[in-house]
Amino acid sequence: MADTYHEVEKTRVEQTPVAADRDRGAEYGMNVFARVIYWVGGILLTLLAIRFLLSLMGANKGNGFADFIYSASHPFVTPFFGLFNYQEQFGRSRFEFETLVAMVVYGAVMVLLARLVTIGSRRHDV
C-alpha cells in the first residue's frame, strides 16, 4: 500500500506543472493583450494631451508639428465637438473642454477593455 501511495503522489506531482504551465501560458497571452491595449491607449492619450496643450498655448496650425498633432487627433476629438459649442480656432489660446472629455472617455474605454480581456486571469495587477 505504501508503494501505491508514493506512485500516486509522484504521478500527481509530475502532472501538476504541465497544467500550471498551460494556465500560465493562457494568462500570459491575456496579459500581453492587455498591455497592447494600454500601450495603444497611452499613445492616444498622449496625442490628445499634446493637442490640449497646443490649443491652450495658441499654437499656430501653420507650424508642421502643430498641424500634425491637430490633424492626427482630430478624428478622435470630433465626436465631442458638439458638447460645448466648438468653433475651430487655431493660433488663439483656447481651453478645449472637448479634448479633456475625449481623454476621459478614451481612458475609461482603455481600462475597461484591458480588464475585459483579463477577466479570467488570476492575477489582478495588470
C-alpha atoms as a PDB file:
ATOM      1  CA  MET A   1       0.000   0.000   0.000  1.00  0.00           C
ATOM      2  CA  ALA A   2       2.879   2.340   0.742  1.00  0.00           C
ATOM      3  CA  ASP A   3       4.274   1.883  -2.760  1.00  0.00           C
ATOM      4  CA  THR A   4       0.907   2.714  -4.319  1.00  0.00           C
ATOM      5  CA  TYR A   5       0.578   5.933  -2.308  1.00  0.00           C
ATOM      6  CA  HIS A   6       4.041   7.103  -3.392  1.00  0.00           C
ATOM      7  CA  GLU A   7       3.308   6.269  -7.013  1.00  0.00           C
ATOM      8  CA  VAL A   8       0.074   8.278  -6.903  1.00  0.00           C
ATOM      9  CA  GLU A   9       1.834  11.250  -5.300  1.00  0.00           C
ATOM     10  CA  LYS A  10       4.668  11.043  -7.840  1.00  0.00           C
ATOM     11  CA  THR A  11       2.167  10.996 -10.717  1.00  0.00           C
ATOM     12  CA  ARG A  12       0.236  13.933  -9.229  1.00  0.00           C
ATOM     13  CA  VAL A  13       3.425  15.984  -8.809  1.00  0.00           C
ATOM     14  CA  GLU A  14       4.507  15.205 -12.365  1.00  0.00           C
ATOM     15  CA  GLN A  15       1.159  16.273 -13.857  1.00  0.00           C
ATOM     16  CA  THR A  16       0.636  19.460 -11.899  1.00  0.00           C
ATOM     17  CA  PRO A  17       3.376  21.569 -13.559  1.00  0.00           C
ATOM     18  CA  VAL A  18       2.020  20.770 -17.034  1.00  0.00           C
ATOM     19  CA  ALA A  19      -1.421  22.104 -16.139  1.00  0.00           C
ATOM     20  CA  ALA A  20       0.144  25.082 -14.384  1.00  0.00           C
ATOM     21  CA  ASP A  21       2.291  25.858 -17.439  1.00  0.00           C
ATOM     22  CA  ARG A  22      -0.768  25.705 -19.668  1.00  0.00           C
ATOM     23  CA  ASP A  23      -2.628  28.099 -17.358  1.00  0.00           C
ATOM     24  CA  ARG A  24       0.363  30.444 -17.189  1.00  0.00           C
ATOM     25  CA  GLY A  25       0.587  30.471 -20.983  1.00  0.00           C
ATOM     26  CA  ALA A  26      -3.053  31.463 -21.383  1.00  0.00           C
ATOM     27  CA  GLU A  27      -2.725  34.039 -18.628  1.00  0.00           C
ATOM     28  CA  TYR A  28       0.425  35.430 -20.250  1.00  0.00           C
ATOM     29  CA  GLY A  29      -1.443  35.812 -23.537  1.00  0.00           C
ATOM     30  CA  MET A  30      -4.197  37.772 -21.827  1.00  0.00           C
ATOM     31  CA  ASN A  31      -1.647  39.970 -20.070  1.00  0.00           C
ATOM     32  CA  VAL A  32       0.150  40.696 -23.344  1.00  0.00           C
ATOM     33  CA  PHE A  33      -3.131  41.707 -24.970  1.00  0.00           C
ATOM     34  CA  ALA A  34      -3.951  43.975 -22.022  1.00  0.00           C
ATOM     35  CA  ARG A  35      -0.506  45.569 -22.293  1.00  0.00           C
ATOM     36  CA  VAL A  36      -1.067  46.214 -26.005  1.00  0.00           C
ATOM     37  CA  ILE A  37      -4.379  47.893 -25.167  1.00  0.00           C
ATOM     38  CA  TYR A  38      -2.677  50.066 -22.543  1.00  0.00           C
ATOM     39  CA  TRP A  39       0.160  50.900 -24.946  1.00  0.00           C
ATOM     40  CA  VAL A  40      -2.150  51.969 -27.795  1.00  0.00           C
ATOM     41  CA  GLY A  41      -4.395  53.842 -25.363  1.00  0.00           C
ATOM     42  CA  GLY A  42      -1.367  55.578 -23.864  1.00  0.00           C
ATOM     43  CA  ILE A  43      -0.272  56.784 -27.282  1.00  0.00           C
ATOM     44  CA  LEU A  44      -3.772  58.110 -27.984  1.00  0.00           C
ATOM     45  CA  LEU A  45      -3.995  59.861 -24.612  1.00  0.00           C
ATOM     46  CA  THR A  46      -0.542  61.391 -25.136  1.00  0.00           C
ATOM     47  CA  LEU A  47      -1.583  62.670 -28.557  1.00  0.00           C
ATOM     48  CA  LEU A  48      -4.729  64.212 -27.079  1.00  0.00           C
ATOM     49  CA  ALA A  49      -2.780  65.757 -24.190  1.00  0.00           C
ATOM     50  CA  ILE A  50      -0.354  67.386 -26.624  1.00  0.00           C
ATOM     51  CA  ARG A  51      -3.316  68.693 -28.655  1.00  0.00           C
ATOM     52  CA  PHE A  52      -4.830  70.149 -25.483  1.00  0.00           C
ATOM     53  CA  LEU A  53      -1.572  71.882 -24.534  1.00  0.00           C
ATOM     54  CA  LEU A  54      -1.003  73.236 -28.045  1.00  0.00           C
ATOM     55  CA  SER A  55      -4.537  74.610 -28.154  1.00  0.00           C
ATOM     56  CA  LEU A  56      -4.175  76.071 -24.672  1.00  0.00           C
ATOM     57  CA  MET A  57      -0.964  77.859 -25.698  1.00  0.00           C
ATOM     58  CA  GLY A  58      -2.442  79.009 -29.009  1.00  0.00           C
ATOM     59  CA  ALA A  59      -0.121  77.066 -31.311  1.00  0.00           C
ATOM     60  CA  ASN A  60      -0.198  78.130 -34.953  1.00  0.00           C
ATOM     61  CA  LYS A  61      -1.540  75.438 -37.283  1.00  0.00           C
ATOM     62  CA  GLY A  62       0.898  76.684 -39.924  1.00  0.00           C
ATOM     63  CA  ASN A  63       3.681  75.010 -37.949  1.00  0.00           C
ATOM     64  CA  GLY A  64       4.353  71.448 -39.145  1.00  0.00           C
ATOM     65  CA  PHE A  65       4.356  69.852 -35.697  1.00  0.00           C
ATOM     66  CA  ALA A  66       1.175  71.595 -34.584  1.00  0.00           C
ATOM     67  CA  ASP A  67      -0.514  70.737 -37.868  1.00  0.00           C
ATOM     68  CA  PHE A  68       0.434  67.070 -37.476  1.00  0.00           C
ATOM     69  CA  ILE A  69      -0.898  66.902 -33.914  1.00  0.00           C
ATOM     70  CA  TYR A  70      -4.136  68.713 -34.802  1.00  0.00           C
ATOM     71  CA  SER A  71      -4.689  66.526 -37.886  1.00  0.00           C
ATOM     72  CA  ALA A  72      -3.839  63.214 -36.187  1.00  0.00           C
ATOM     73  CA  SER A  73      -6.008  63.891 -33.139  1.00  0.00           C
ATOM     74  CA  HIS A  74      -8.939  65.469 -34.987  1.00  0.00           C
ATOM     75  CA  PRO A  75     -10.817  62.174 -35.706  1.00  0.00           C
ATOM     76  CA  PHE A  76     -10.674  61.235 -32.026  1.00  0.00           C
ATOM     77  CA  VAL A  77     -11.970  64.593 -30.755  1.00  0.00           C
ATOM     78  CA  THR A  78     -14.621  65.129 -33.457  1.00  0.00           C
ATOM     79  CA  PRO A  79     -17.386  63.135 -31.681  1.00  0.00           C
ATOM     80  CA  PHE A  80     -17.155  65.537 -28.741  1.00  0.00           C
ATOM     81  CA  PHE A  81     -17.187  68.855 -30.629  1.00  0.00           C
ATOM     82  CA  GLY A  82     -20.927  69.457 -30.192  1.00  0.00           C
ATOM     83  CA  LEU A  83     -20.776  69.304 -26.404  1.00  0.00           C
ATOM     84  CA  PHE A  84     -19.568  72.853 -25.757  1.00  0.00           C
ATOM     85  CA  ASN A  85     -20.281  74.829 -28.979  1.00  0.00           C
ATOM     86  CA  TYR A  86     -16.914  74.132 -30.590  1.00  0.00           C
ATOM     87  CA  GLN A  87     -15.607  76.753 -33.002  1.00  0.00           C
ATOM     88  CA  GLU A  88     -12.436  75.800 -34.805  1.00  0.00           C
ATOM     89  CA  GLN A  89      -9.812  78.414 -33.951  1.00  0.00           C
ATOM     90  CA  PHE A  90      -6.120  77.845 -34.402  1.00  0.00           C
ATOM     91  CA  GLY A  91      -3.437  80.286 -33.371  1.00  0.00           C
ATOM     92  CA  ARG A  92      -5.518  81.605 -30.470  1.00  0.00           C
ATOM     93  CA  SER A  93      -5.372  80.317 -26.945  1.00  0.00           C
ATOM     94  CA  ARG A  94      -8.382  78.138 -26.221  1.00  0.00           C
ATOM     95  CA  PHE A  95      -9.225  75.743 -23.375  1.00  0.00           C
ATOM     96  CA  GLU A  96     -10.555  72.705 -25.252  1.00  0.00           C
ATOM     97  CA  PHE A  97     -13.052  71.026 -22.963  1.00  0.00           C
ATOM     98  CA  GLU A  98     -13.821  68.611 -25.799  1.00  0.00           C
ATOM     99  CA  THR A  99     -10.298  67.237 -25.733  1.00  0.00           C
ATOM    100  CA  LEU A 100     -10.423  66.725 -21.976  1.00  0.00           C
ATOM    101  CA  VAL A 101     -13.740  64.871 -22.266  1.00  0.00           C
ATOM    102  CA  ALA A 102     -12.276  62.732 -25.065  1.00  0.00           C
ATOM    103  CA  MET A 103      -9.284  61.881 -22.863  1.00  0.00           C
ATOM    104  CA  VAL A 104     -11.552  60.791 -20.000  1.00  0.00           C
ATOM    105  CA  VAL A 105     -13.796  58.703 -22.268  1.00  0.00           C
ATOM    106  CA  TYR A 106     -10.930  57.006 -24.135  1.00  0.00           C
ATOM    107  CA  GLY A 107      -9.085  56.395 -20.875  1.00  0.00           C
ATOM    108  CA  ALA A 108     -12.148  54.706 -19.379  1.00  0.00           C
ATOM    109  CA  VAL A 109     -12.655  52.601 -22.520  1.00  0.00           C
ATOM    110  CA  MET A 110      -8.984  51.597 -22.437  1.00  0.00           C
ATOM    111  CA  VAL A 111      -9.192  50.413 -18.824  1.00  0.00           C
ATOM    112  CA  LEU A 112     -12.488  48.573 -19.424  1.00  0.00           C
ATOM    113  CA  LEU A 113     -11.107  46.750 -22.472  1.00  0.00           C
ATOM    114  CA  ALA A 114      -7.918  45.776 -20.658  1.00  0.00           C
ATOM    115  CA  ARG A 115      -9.923  44.466 -17.700  1.00  0.00           C
ATOM    116  CA  LEU A 116     -12.286  42.631 -20.031  1.00  0.00           C
ATOM    117  CA  VAL A 117      -9.509  40.662 -21.724  1.00  0.00           C
ATOM    118  CA  THR A 118      -8.056  39.714 -18.330  1.00  0.00           C
ATOM    119  CA  ILE A 119     -11.376  38.800 -16.728  1.00  0.00           C
ATOM    120  CA  GLY A 120     -10.387  35.138 -16.402  1.00  0.00           C
ATOM    121  CA  SER A 121      -6.929  35.923 -15.081  1.00  0.00           C
ATOM    122  CA  ARG A 122      -5.981  35.029 -11.532  1.00  0.00           C
ATOM    123  CA  ARG A 123      -3.596  37.959 -11.314  1.00  0.00           C
ATOM    124  CA  HIS A 124      -5.093  41.382 -10.700  1.00  0.00           C
ATOM    125  CA  ASP A 125      -2.002  43.520 -11.132  1.00  0.00           C
ATOM    126  CA  VAL A 126      -2.369  44.090 -14.887  1.00  0.00           C
END
